[in-house]
Amino acid sequence: MPLVNVKVLEGALTETQKQELIANLTQAVVNVYGEGLRPHTWVLVEDVRSGEWGIGGNAITLDLVKQLMDTPAPA
């Protein structure tokens, strides 16, 4: 049974966004493995407290994540 585990900073996504993420990740698994695995696909969204996640030796905060979310992707 496929398990997709996503970790996000607490407060970065609304409950609606989490539900959308779960639906889209489930669909991605179904696209690869087939419709028969939809009822057996688990998606776990875990919240990590701001400042308790580090990248490159630096703590990542919710403020930084929100800033990155508002930054347009390069063309």
PDB file of N, CA and C in Angstrom:
ATOM      1  N   MET A   1       0.827  -1.169   0.000  1.00  0.00           N
ATOM      2  CA  MET A   1       0.000   0.000   0.000  1.00  0.00           C
ATOM      3  C   MET A   1       0.879   1.243   0.000  1.00  0.00           C
ATOM      4  N   PRO A   2       0.685   2.125  -0.958  1.00  0.00           N
ATOM      5  CA  PRO A   2       1.495   3.340  -1.014  1.00  0.00           C
ATOM      6  C   PRO A   2       1.210   4.256   0.179  1.00  0.00           C
ATOM      7  N   LEU A   3       2.282   4.829   0.708  1.00  0.00           N
ATOM      8  CA  LEU A   3       2.177   5.835   1.762  1.00  0.00           C
ATOM      9  C   LEU A   3       2.996   7.039   1.332  1.00  0.00           C
ATOM     10  N   VAL A   4       2.338   8.187   1.213  1.00  0.00           N
ATOM     11  CA  VAL A   4       3.010   9.440   0.891  1.00  0.00           C
ATOM     12  C   VAL A   4       3.020  10.262   2.172  1.00  0.00           C
ATOM     13  N   ASN A   5       4.218  10.608   2.648  1.00  0.00           N
ATOM     14  CA  ASN A   5       4.364  11.355   3.893  1.00  0.00           C
ATOM     15  C   ASN A   5       4.900  12.744   3.561  1.00  0.00           C
ATOM     16  N   VAL A   6       4.107  13.763   3.873  1.00  0.00           N
ATOM     17  CA  VAL A   6       4.473  15.145   3.578  1.00  0.00           C
ATOM     18  C   VAL A   6       4.606  15.890   4.899  1.00  0.00           C
ATOM     19  N   LYS A   7       5.719  16.573   5.079  1.00  0.00           N
ATOM     20  CA  LYS A   7       5.928  17.386   6.272  1.00  0.00           C
ATOM     21  C   LYS A   7       5.903  18.852   5.861  1.00  0.00           C
ATOM     22  N   VAL A   8       5.092  19.628   6.575  1.00  0.00           N
ATOM     23  CA  VAL A   8       4.969  21.059   6.303  1.00  0.00           C
ATOM     24  C   VAL A   8       5.064  21.810   7.624  1.00  0.00           C
ATOM     25  N   LEU A   9       5.450  23.063   7.546  1.00  0.00           N
ATOM     26  CA  LEU A   9       5.476  23.863   8.765  1.00  0.00           C
ATOM     27  C   LEU A   9       4.049  24.152   9.217  1.00  0.00           C
ATOM     28  N   GLU A  10       3.827  23.997  10.494  1.00  0.00           N
ATOM     29  CA  GLU A  10       2.522  24.242  11.081  1.00  0.00           C
ATOM     30  C   GLU A  10       2.046  25.649  10.732  1.00  0.00           C
ATOM     31  N   GLY A  11       0.846  25.728  10.184  1.00  0.00           N
ATOM     32  CA  GLY A  11       0.268  27.015   9.821  1.00  0.00           C
ATOM     33  C   GLY A  11       0.554  27.455   8.396  1.00  0.00           C
ATOM     34  N   ALA A  12       1.409  26.710   7.678  1.00  0.00           N
ATOM     35  CA  ALA A  12       1.743  27.098   6.302  1.00  0.00           C
ATOM     36  C   ALA A  12       0.595  26.814   5.343  1.00  0.00           C
ATOM     37  N   LEU A  13      -0.184  25.786   5.635  1.00  0.00           N
ATOM     38  CA  LEU A  13      -1.305  25.417   4.777  1.00  0.00           C
ATOM     39  C   LEU A  13      -2.599  25.444   5.579  1.00  0.00           C
ATOM     40  N   THR A  14      -3.663  25.868   4.931  1.00  0.00           N
ATOM     41  CA  THR A  14      -4.984  25.797   5.556  1.00  0.00           C
ATOM     42  C   THR A  14      -5.475  24.352   5.485  1.00  0.00           C
ATOM     43  N   GLU A  15      -6.530  24.057   6.222  1.00  0.00           N
ATOM     44  CA  GLU A  15      -7.110  22.713   6.160  1.00  0.00           C
ATOM     45  C   GLU A  15      -7.591  22.410   4.740  1.00  0.00           C
ATOM     46  N   THR A  16      -8.134  23.407   4.059  1.00  0.00           N
ATOM     47  CA  THR A  16      -8.575  23.223   2.675  1.00  0.00           C
ATOM     48  C   THR A  16      -7.396  22.889   1.776  1.00  0.00           C
ATOM     49  N   GLN A  17      -6.280  23.587   1.943  1.00  0.00           N
ATOM     50  CA  GLN A  17      -5.087  23.305   1.141  1.00  0.00           C
ATOM     51  C   GLN A  17      -4.551  21.908   1.426  1.00  0.00           C
ATOM     52  N   LYS A  18      -4.607  21.486   2.678  1.00  0.00           N
ATOM     53  CA  LYS A  18      -4.162  20.134   3.017  1.00  0.00           C
ATOM     54  C   LYS A  18      -5.039  19.093   2.332  1.00  0.00           C
ATOM     55  N   GLN A  19      -6.347  19.318   2.329  1.00  0.00           N
ATOM     56  CA  GLN A  19      -7.257  18.388   1.662  1.00  0.00           C
ATOM     57  C   GLN A  19      -6.976  18.324   0.163  1.00  0.00           C
ATOM     58  N   GLU A  20      -6.698  19.472  -0.433  1.00  0.00           N
ATOM     59  CA  GLU A  20      -6.362  19.521  -1.858  1.00  0.00           C
ATOM     60  C   GLU A  20      -5.058  18.776  -2.123  1.00  0.00           C
ATOM     61  N   LEU A  21      -4.083  18.955  -1.251  1.00  0.00           N
ATOM     62  CA  LEU A  21      -2.809  18.258  -1.376  1.00  0.00           C
ATOM     63  C   LEU A  21      -3.017  16.750  -1.288  1.00  0.00           C
ATOM     64  N   ILE A  22      -3.818  16.310  -0.336  1.00  0.00           N
ATOM     65  CA  ILE A  22      -4.108  14.884  -0.179  1.00  0.00           C
ATOM     66  C   ILE A  22      -4.768  14.333  -1.439  1.00  0.00           C
ATOM     67  N   ALA A  23      -5.757  15.038  -1.960  1.00  0.00           N
ATOM     68  CA  ALA A  23      -6.450  14.583  -3.172  1.00  0.00           C
ATOM     69  C   ALA A  23      -5.502  14.514  -4.363  1.00  0.00           C
ATOM     70  N   ASN A  24      -4.670  15.533  -4.532  1.00  0.00           N
ATOM     71  CA  ASN A  24      -3.757  15.566  -5.679  1.00  0.00           C
ATOM     72  C   ASN A  24      -2.659  14.520  -5.573  1.00  0.00           C
ATOM     73  N   LEU A  25      -2.138  14.291  -4.375  1.00  0.00           N
ATOM     74  CA  LEU A  25      -1.106  13.265  -4.210  1.00  0.00           C
ATOM     75  C   LEU A  25      -1.688  11.870  -4.404  1.00  0.00           C
ATOM     76  N   THR A  26      -2.904  11.664  -3.922  1.00  0.00           N
ATOM     77  CA  THR A  26      -3.572  10.386  -4.162  1.00  0.00           C
ATOM     78  C   THR A  26      -3.745  10.161  -5.656  1.00  0.00           C
ATOM     79  N   GLN A  27      -4.174  11.187  -6.373  1.00  0.00           N
ATOM     80  CA  GLN A  27      -4.356  11.065  -7.820  1.00  0.00           C
ATOM     81  C   GLN A  27      -3.036  10.761  -8.512  1.00  0.00           C
ATOM     82  N   ALA A  28      -1.945  11.357  -8.062  1.00  0.00           N
ATOM     83  CA  ALA A  28      -0.629  11.086  -8.654  1.00  0.00           C
ATOM     84  C   ALA A  28      -0.257   9.614  -8.494  1.00  0.00           C
ATOM     85  N   VAL A  29      -0.536   9.048  -7.326  1.00  0.00           N
ATOM     86  CA  VAL A  29      -0.261   7.622  -7.111  1.00  0.00           C
ATOM     87  C   VAL A  29      -1.131   6.777  -8.035  1.00  0.00           C
ATOM     88  N   VAL A  30      -2.404   7.121  -8.143  1.00  0.00           N
ATOM     89  CA  VAL A  30      -3.326   6.394  -9.021  1.00  0.00           C
ATOM     90  C   VAL A  30      -2.867   6.483 -10.473  1.00  0.00           C
ATOM     91  N   ASN A  31      -2.352   7.633 -10.878  1.00  0.00           N
ATOM     92  CA  ASN A  31      -1.862   7.786 -12.251  1.00  0.00           C
ATOM     93  C   ASN A  31      -0.737   6.818 -12.563  1.00  0.00           C
ATOM     94  N   VAL A  32       0.058   6.464 -11.574  1.00  0.00           N
ATOM     95  CA  VAL A  32       1.188   5.553 -11.776  1.00  0.00           C
ATOM     96  C   VAL A  32       0.768   4.098 -11.592  1.00  0.00           C
ATOM     97  N   TYR A  33       0.043   3.804 -10.518  1.00  0.00           N
ATOM     98  CA  TYR A  33      -0.244   2.417 -10.147  1.00  0.00           C
ATOM     99  C   TYR A  33      -1.599   1.907 -10.604  1.00  0.00           C
ATOM    100  N   GLY A  34      -2.511   2.815 -10.926  1.00  0.00           N
ATOM    101  CA  GLY A  34      -3.836   2.390 -11.354  1.00  0.00           C
ATOM    102  C   GLY A  34      -4.899   2.662 -10.300  1.00  0.00           C
ATOM    103  N   GLU A  35      -6.131   2.730 -10.773  1.00  0.00           N
ATOM    104  CA  GLU A  35      -7.280   3.100  -9.940  1.00  0.00           C
ATOM    105  C   GLU A  35      -7.499   2.140  -8.774  1.00  0.00           C
ATOM    106  N   GLY A  36      -7.096   0.891  -8.943  1.00  0.00           N
ATOM    107  CA  GLY A  36      -7.314  -0.099  -7.895  1.00  0.00           C
ATOM    108  C   GLY A  36      -6.632   0.226  -6.578  1.00  0.00           C
ATOM    109  N   LEU A  37      -5.593   1.049  -6.625  1.00  0.00           N
ATOM    110  CA  LEU A  37      -4.888   1.386  -5.386  1.00  0.00           C
ATOM    111  C   LEU A  37      -5.425   2.634  -4.691  1.00  0.00           C
ATOM    112  N   ARG A  38      -6.384   3.326  -5.324  1.00  0.00           N
ATOM    113  CA  ARG A  38      -6.919   4.541  -4.684  1.00  0.00           C
ATOM    114  C   ARG A  38      -7.373   4.274  -3.243  1.00  0.00           C
ATOM    115  N   PRO A  39      -8.192   3.225  -3.004  1.00  0.00           N
ATOM    116  CA  PRO A  39      -8.664   3.039  -1.630  1.00  0.00           C
ATOM    117  C   PRO A  39      -7.579   2.588  -0.651  1.00  0.00           C
ATOM    118  N   HIS A  40      -6.422   2.240  -1.171  1.00  0.00           N
ATOM    119  CA  HIS A  40      -5.338   1.744  -0.326  1.00  0.00           C
ATOM    120  C   HIS A  40      -4.162   2.722  -0.251  1.00  0.00           C
ATOM    121  N   THR A  41      -4.335   3.911  -0.805  1.00  0.00           N
ATOM    122  CA  THR A  41      -3.271   4.916  -0.800  1.00  0.00           C
ATOM    123  C   THR A  41      -3.432   5.814   0.417  1.00  0.00           C
ATOM    124  N   TRP A  42      -2.378   5.872   1.202  1.00  0.00           N
ATOM    125  CA  TRP A  42      -2.370   6.699   2.401  1.00  0.00           C
ATOM    126  C   TRP A  42      -1.564   7.955   2.129  1.00  0.00           C
ATOM    127  N   VAL A  43      -2.083   9.096   2.538  1.00  0.00           N
ATOM    128  CA  VAL A  43      -1.337  10.352   2.481  1.00  0.00           C
ATOM    129  C   VAL A  43      -1.365  10.939   3.890  1.00  0.00           C
ATOM    130  N   LEU A  44      -0.190  11.169   4.428  1.00  0.00           N
ATOM    131  CA  LEU A  44      -0.058  11.699   5.779  1.00  0.00           C
ATOM    132  C   LEU A  44       0.585  13.077   5.699  1.00  0.00           C
ATOM    133  N   VAL A  45      -0.128  14.094   6.164  1.00  0.00           N
ATOM    134  CA  VAL A  45       0.408  15.453   6.207  1.00  0.00           C
ATOM    135  C   VAL A  45       0.749  15.745   7.668  1.00  0.00           C
ATOM    136  N   GLU A  46       2.029  15.944   7.927  1.00  0.00           N
ATOM    137  CA  GLU A  46       2.496  16.189   9.291  1.00  0.00           C
ATOM    138  C   GLU A  46       2.936  17.639   9.443  1.00  0.00           C
ATOM    139  N   ASP A  47       2.448  18.281  10.485  1.00  0.00           N
ATOM    140  CA  ASP A  47       2.863  19.644  10.801  1.00  0.00           C
ATOM    141  C   ASP A  47       4.115  19.611  11.676  1.00  0.00           C
ATOM    142  N   VAL A  48       5.078  20.455  11.332  1.00  0.00           N
ATOM    143  CA  VAL A  48       6.298  20.627  12.115  1.00  0.00           C
ATOM    144  C   VAL A  48       6.282  22.059  12.636  1.00  0.00           C
ATOM    145  N   ARG A  49       6.557  22.228  13.912  1.00  0.00           N
ATOM    146  CA  ARG A  49       6.533  23.573  14.495  1.00  0.00           C
ATOM    147  C   ARG A  49       7.596  24.470  13.864  1.00  0.00           C
ATOM    148  N   SER A  50       7.249  25.733  13.710  1.00  0.00           N
ATOM    149  CA  SER A  50       8.161  26.731  13.156  1.00  0.00           C
ATOM    150  C   SER A  50       9.446  26.758  13.971  1.00  0.00           C
ATOM    151  N   GLY A  51      10.574  26.742  13.271  1.00  0.00           N
ATOM    152  CA  GLY A  51      11.872  26.785  13.922  1.00  0.00           C
ATOM    153  C   GLY A  51      12.443  25.427  14.272  1.00  0.00           C
ATOM    154  N   GLU A  52      11.641  24.353  14.120  1.00  0.00           N
ATOM    155  CA  GLU A  52      12.105  23.006  14.449  1.00  0.00           C
ATOM    156  C   GLU A  52      12.531  22.213  13.216  1.00  0.00           C
ATOM    157  N   TRP A  53      12.672  22.897  12.102  1.00  0.00           N
ATOM    158  CA  TRP A  53      13.082  22.273  10.855  1.00  0.00           C
ATOM    159  C   TRP A  53      14.260  23.084  10.358  1.00  0.00           C
ATOM    160  N   GLY A  54      15.315  22.418   9.973  1.00  0.00           N
ATOM    161  CA  GLY A  54      16.486  23.144   9.508  1.00  0.00           C
ATOM    162  C   GLY A  54      16.912  22.717   8.121  1.00  0.00           C
ATOM    163  N   ILE A  55      17.439  23.660   7.385  1.00  0.00           N
ATOM    164  CA  ILE A  55      18.010  23.403   6.061  1.00  0.00           C
ATOM    165  C   ILE A  55      19.357  24.102   6.023  1.00  0.00           C
ATOM    166  N   GLY A  56      20.387  23.355   5.708  1.00  0.00           N
ATOM    167  CA  GLY A  56      21.721  23.939   5.611  1.00  0.00           C
ATOM    168  C   GLY A  56      22.207  24.552   6.912  1.00  0.00           C
ATOM    169  N   GLY A  57      21.768  24.004   8.032  1.00  0.00           N
ATOM    170  CA  GLY A  57      22.198  24.510   9.325  1.00  0.00           C
ATOM    171  C   GLY A  57      21.381  25.674   9.850  1.00  0.00           C
ATOM    172  N   ASN A  58      20.354  26.086   9.116  1.00  0.00           N
ATOM    173  CA  ASN A  58      19.522  27.220   9.523  1.00  0.00           C
ATOM    174  C   ASN A  58      18.098  26.762   9.803  1.00  0.00           C
ATOM    175  N   ALA A  59      17.528  27.265  10.895  1.00  0.00           N
ATOM    176  CA  ALA A  59      16.143  26.953  11.227  1.00  0.00           C
ATOM    177  C   ALA A  59      15.215  27.653  10.241  1.00  0.00           C
ATOM    178  N   ILE A  60      14.215  26.929   9.802  1.00  0.00           N
ATOM    179  CA  ILE A  60      13.224  27.481   8.881  1.00  0.00           C
ATOM    180  C   ILE A  60      12.003  27.885   9.707  1.00  0.00           C
ATOM    181  N   THR A  61      11.512  29.079   9.457  1.00  0.00           N
ATOM    182  CA  THR A  61      10.362  29.592  10.201  1.00  0.00           C
ATOM    183  C   THR A  61       9.156  29.736   9.285  1.00  0.00           C
ATOM    184  N   LEU A  62       8.010  29.835   9.902  1.00  0.00           N
ATOM    185  CA  LEU A  62       6.775  30.023   9.148  1.00  0.00           C
ATOM    186  C   LEU A  62       6.814  31.320   8.349  1.00  0.00           C
ATOM    187  N   ASP A  63       7.391  32.368   8.913  1.00  0.00           N
ATOM    188  CA  ASP A  63       7.494  33.643   8.190  1.00  0.00           C
ATOM    189  C   ASP A  63       8.276  33.477   6.892  1.00  0.00           C
ATOM    190  N   LEU A  64       9.375  32.724   6.934  1.00  0.00           N
ATOM    191  CA  LEU A  64      10.174  32.494   5.731  1.00  0.00           C
ATOM    192  C   LEU A  64       9.385  31.686   4.707  1.00  0.00           C
ATOM    193  N   VAL A  65       8.697  30.654   5.159  1.00  0.00           N
ATOM    194  CA  VAL A  65       7.917  29.823   4.238  1.00  0.00           C
ATOM    195  C   VAL A  65       6.827  30.646   3.569  1.00  0.00           C
ATOM    196  N   LYS A  66       6.137  31.471   4.331  1.00  0.00           N
ATOM    197  CA  LYS A  66       5.083  32.305   3.742  1.00  0.00           C
ATOM    198  C   LYS A  66       5.666  33.291   2.735  1.00  0.00           C
ATOM    199  N   GLN A  67       6.844  33.816   3.030  1.00  0.00           N
ATOM    200  CA  GLN A  67       7.516  34.716   2.089  1.00  0.00           C
ATOM    201  C   GLN A  67       7.834  33.969   0.796  1.00  0.00           C
ATOM    202  N   LEU A  68       8.340  32.755   0.908  1.00  0.00           N
ATOM    203  CA  LEU A  68       8.665  31.961  -0.282  1.00  0.00           C
ATOM    204  C   LEU A  68       7.408  31.603  -1.066  1.00  0.00           C
ATOM    205  N   MET A  69       6.311  31.327  -0.368  1.00  0.00           N
ATOM    206  CA  MET A  69       5.054  30.982  -1.040  1.00  0.00           C
ATOM    207  C   MET A  69       4.524  32.156  -1.851  1.00  0.00           C
ATOM    208  N   ASP A  70       4.818  33.371  -1.413  1.00  0.00           N
ATOM    209  CA  ASP A  70       4.342  34.573  -2.105  1.00  0.00           C
ATOM    210  C   ASP A  70       5.278  35.031  -3.222  1.00  0.00           C
ATOM    211  N   THR A  71       6.438  34.378  -3.347  1.00  0.00           N
ATOM    212  CA  THR A  71       7.419  34.756  -4.361  1.00  0.00           C
ATOM    213  C   THR A  71       7.092  34.051  -5.673  1.00  0.00           C
ATOM    214  N   PRO A  72       6.945  34.797  -6.779  1.00  0.00           N
ATOM    215  CA  PRO A  72       6.660  34.156  -8.065  1.00  0.00           C
ATOM    216  C   PRO A  72       7.818  33.252  -8.493  1.00  0.00           C
ATOM    217  N   ALA A  73       7.464  32.168  -9.148  1.00  0.00           N
ATOM    218  CA  ALA A  73       8.482  31.259  -9.679  1.00  0.00           C
ATOM    219  C   ALA A  73       9.218  31.944 -10.821  1.00  0.00           C
ATOM    220  N   PRO A  74      10.522  31.669 -10.957  1.00  0.00           N
ATOM    221  CA  PRO A  74      11.268  32.263 -12.073  1.00  0.00           C
ATOM    222  C   PRO A  74      10.716  31.780 -13.413  1.00  0.00           C
ATOM    223  N   ALA A  75      10.771  32.649 -14.395  1.00  0.00           N
ATOM    224  CA  ALA A  75      10.246  32.310 -15.730  1.00  0.00           C
ATOM    225  C   ALA A  75      11.191  31.411 -16.481  1.00  0.00           C
TER     226      ALA A  75
END
